[in-house]
């Protein structure tokens, strides 16, 4: 699983169309379809019903909920890095650091 796949799944869940999601992500429809199918194989479950219309499965709804959290964390890290002086962190970042395993906590 990678962040690109996370973004693709979120885009398809919001657009409810692989072609529109691909256009939004700046990739071809086969690229986004292949990436999502690969992730579904990795997870062992489908995230989308594809016929007659694209819609999330129950599993897909739960996954997308977590993917929004992942994207939010990534956005917070990018904002900290872009802040003047490298960002001193926020209460939210301190909470994340507090939950991190010792080997990854700075």
Foldseek 3Di string as FASTA:
>chain_A
DDLVLLQLLLLCQVVQDLQRSCVVVVHHSVVSVVSQVVVCVVVVHHQWDPPPTTHGDPVVVVVNVVSVVVVVVVVQQVVQCPDVPSHPDDPVVVVVLVPDPPVPRD
